[in-house]
């Protein structure tokens, strides 16, 4: 993956391959946080290191 990033053109987005996710949130929690997968739950706190 590191080699790919080094050779990627500037200002081009990339998405790493998704790993196999096994755990999921309950539906009500998933609707609150915007994802069913806990591994993808990355809340924005407005500053570094929430």
N, C-alpha and C. Protein backbone atom coordinates (compact mmCIF):
# COMPACT_ATOMS: atom_id res chain seq x y z
N UNK A 1 0.83 -1.19 0.00
CA UNK A 1 0.00 0.00 0.00
C UNK A 1 0.87 1.25 0.00
N UNK A 2 1.98 1.23 0.73
CA UNK A 2 2.84 2.41 0.79
C UNK A 2 3.38 2.78 -0.59
N UNK A 3 3.78 1.78 -1.37
CA UNK A 3 4.30 2.06 -2.70
C UNK A 3 3.23 2.69 -3.57
N UNK A 4 1.99 2.25 -3.43
CA UNK A 4 0.90 2.82 -4.22
C UNK A 4 0.74 4.30 -3.89
N UNK A 5 0.77 4.64 -2.61
CA UNK A 5 0.59 6.03 -2.19
C UNK A 5 1.72 6.91 -2.70
N UNK A 6 2.93 6.40 -2.71
CA UNK A 6 4.06 7.18 -3.17
C UNK A 6 3.95 7.50 -4.65
N UNK A 7 3.36 6.61 -5.42
CA UNK A 7 3.27 6.79 -6.87
C UNK A 7 1.93 7.36 -7.32
N UNK A 8 1.02 7.61 -6.40
CA UNK A 8 -0.29 8.15 -6.77
C UNK A 8 -0.14 9.61 -7.19
N UNK A 9 -0.89 10.04 -8.20
CA UNK A 9 -0.83 11.44 -8.63
C UNK A 9 -1.34 12.36 -7.53
N UNK A 10 -0.85 13.59 -7.50
CA UNK A 10 -1.33 14.57 -6.53
C UNK A 10 -2.81 14.85 -6.76
N UNK A 11 -3.51 15.10 -5.68
CA UNK A 11 -4.93 15.46 -5.70
C UNK A 11 -5.83 14.36 -6.22
N UNK A 12 -5.37 13.13 -6.18
CA UNK A 12 -6.22 12.00 -6.57
C UNK A 12 -6.61 11.25 -5.30
N UNK A 13 -7.88 11.04 -5.12
CA UNK A 13 -8.34 10.28 -3.96
C UNK A 13 -8.12 8.79 -4.17
N UNK A 14 -7.97 8.08 -3.10
CA UNK A 14 -7.87 6.63 -3.18
C UNK A 14 -8.59 6.05 -1.97
N UNK A 15 -9.06 4.84 -2.12
CA UNK A 15 -9.76 4.15 -1.04
C UNK A 15 -9.09 2.80 -0.85
N UNK A 16 -8.52 2.56 0.32
CA UNK A 16 -7.91 1.25 0.55
C UNK A 16 -8.98 0.15 0.54
N UNK A 17 -8.56 -1.03 0.25
CA UNK A 17 -9.51 -2.16 0.24
C UNK A 17 -10.11 -2.34 1.62
N UNK A 18 -11.40 -2.64 1.62
CA UNK A 18 -12.10 -2.85 2.88
C UNK A 18 -11.78 -4.23 3.42
N UNK A 19 -11.47 -4.28 4.71
CA UNK A 19 -11.21 -5.57 5.36
C UNK A 19 -12.55 -6.24 5.63
N UNK A 20 -12.51 -7.51 5.97
CA UNK A 20 -13.73 -8.23 6.32
C UNK A 20 -14.20 -7.80 7.69
N UNK A 21 -15.35 -7.18 7.74
CA UNK A 21 -15.92 -6.73 9.00
C UNK A 21 -16.92 -7.78 9.48
N UNK A 22 -16.81 -8.15 10.74
CA UNK A 22 -17.68 -9.19 11.27
C UNK A 22 -18.67 -8.65 12.28
N UNK A 23 -18.26 -7.64 13.08
CA UNK A 23 -19.15 -7.07 14.08
C UNK A 23 -19.99 -5.97 13.43
N UNK A 24 -21.22 -5.82 13.91
CA UNK A 24 -22.07 -4.74 13.42
C UNK A 24 -22.80 -4.10 14.60
N UNK A 25 -23.17 -2.82 14.41
CA UNK A 25 -23.98 -2.12 15.39
C UNK A 25 -25.43 -2.57 15.29
N UNK A 26 -26.17 -2.40 16.38
CA UNK A 26 -27.62 -2.55 16.32
C UNK A 26 -28.14 -1.46 15.38
N UNK A 27 -29.29 -1.67 14.75
CA UNK A 27 -29.81 -0.75 13.76
C UNK A 27 -29.97 0.67 14.30
N UNK A 28 -30.50 0.82 15.51
CA UNK A 28 -30.71 2.17 16.06
C UNK A 28 -29.37 2.90 16.25
N UNK A 29 -28.33 2.19 16.70
CA UNK A 29 -27.00 2.79 16.87
C UNK A 29 -26.40 3.12 15.50
N UNK A 30 -26.57 2.22 14.54
CA UNK A 30 -26.05 2.45 13.20
C UNK A 30 -26.65 3.71 12.58
N UNK A 31 -27.91 3.94 12.80
CA UNK A 31 -28.55 5.15 12.28
C UNK A 31 -28.02 6.40 12.96
N UNK A 32 -27.67 6.31 14.22
CA UNK A 32 -27.13 7.45 14.96
C UNK A 32 -25.73 7.83 14.48
N UNK A 33 -24.89 6.83 14.24
CA UNK A 33 -23.49 7.10 13.92
C UNK A 33 -23.20 7.09 12.42
N UNK A 34 -24.13 6.63 11.60
CA UNK A 34 -23.98 6.69 10.15
C UNK A 34 -23.27 5.52 9.50
N UNK A 35 -23.05 4.45 10.25
CA UNK A 35 -22.45 3.24 9.69
C UNK A 35 -22.90 2.04 10.52
N UNK A 36 -22.97 0.90 9.88
CA UNK A 36 -23.33 -0.31 10.61
C UNK A 36 -22.08 -1.00 11.18
N UNK A 37 -20.89 -0.63 10.68
CA UNK A 37 -19.64 -1.27 11.08
C UNK A 37 -18.90 -0.43 12.12
N UNK A 38 -18.66 -0.96 13.32
CA UNK A 38 -17.93 -0.21 14.34
C UNK A 38 -16.55 0.25 13.88
N UNK A 39 -15.89 -0.54 13.04
CA UNK A 39 -14.56 -0.18 12.56
C UNK A 39 -14.56 1.09 11.72
N UNK A 40 -15.71 1.43 11.14
CA UNK A 40 -15.81 2.63 10.30
C UNK A 40 -16.36 3.83 11.05
N UNK A 41 -16.66 3.67 12.31
CA UNK A 41 -17.21 4.76 13.11
C UNK A 41 -16.05 5.65 13.54
N UNK A 42 -15.90 6.78 12.88
CA UNK A 42 -14.82 7.72 13.16
C UNK A 42 -15.43 9.09 13.42
N UNK A 43 -15.89 9.36 14.65
CA UNK A 43 -16.54 10.64 14.93
C UNK A 43 -15.58 11.81 14.76
N UNK A 44 -16.10 12.93 14.27
CA UNK A 44 -15.31 14.14 14.09
C UNK A 44 -15.47 15.00 15.32
N UNK A 45 -14.36 15.34 15.95
CA UNK A 45 -14.39 16.12 17.19
C UNK A 45 -13.96 17.56 16.98
N UNK A 46 -13.51 17.91 15.78
CA UNK A 46 -13.08 19.25 15.51
C UNK A 46 -11.66 19.54 15.92
N UNK A 47 -10.98 18.57 16.47
CA UNK A 47 -9.57 18.74 16.83
C UNK A 47 -8.90 17.37 16.84
N UNK A 48 -7.62 17.38 16.84
CA UNK A 48 -6.86 16.14 16.79
C UNK A 48 -6.93 15.41 18.13
N UNK A 49 -7.05 14.09 18.10
CA UNK A 49 -6.97 13.27 19.30
C UNK A 49 -8.17 13.34 20.22
N UNK A 50 -9.35 13.39 19.70
CA UNK A 50 -10.62 13.45 20.45
C UNK A 50 -10.46 13.07 21.90
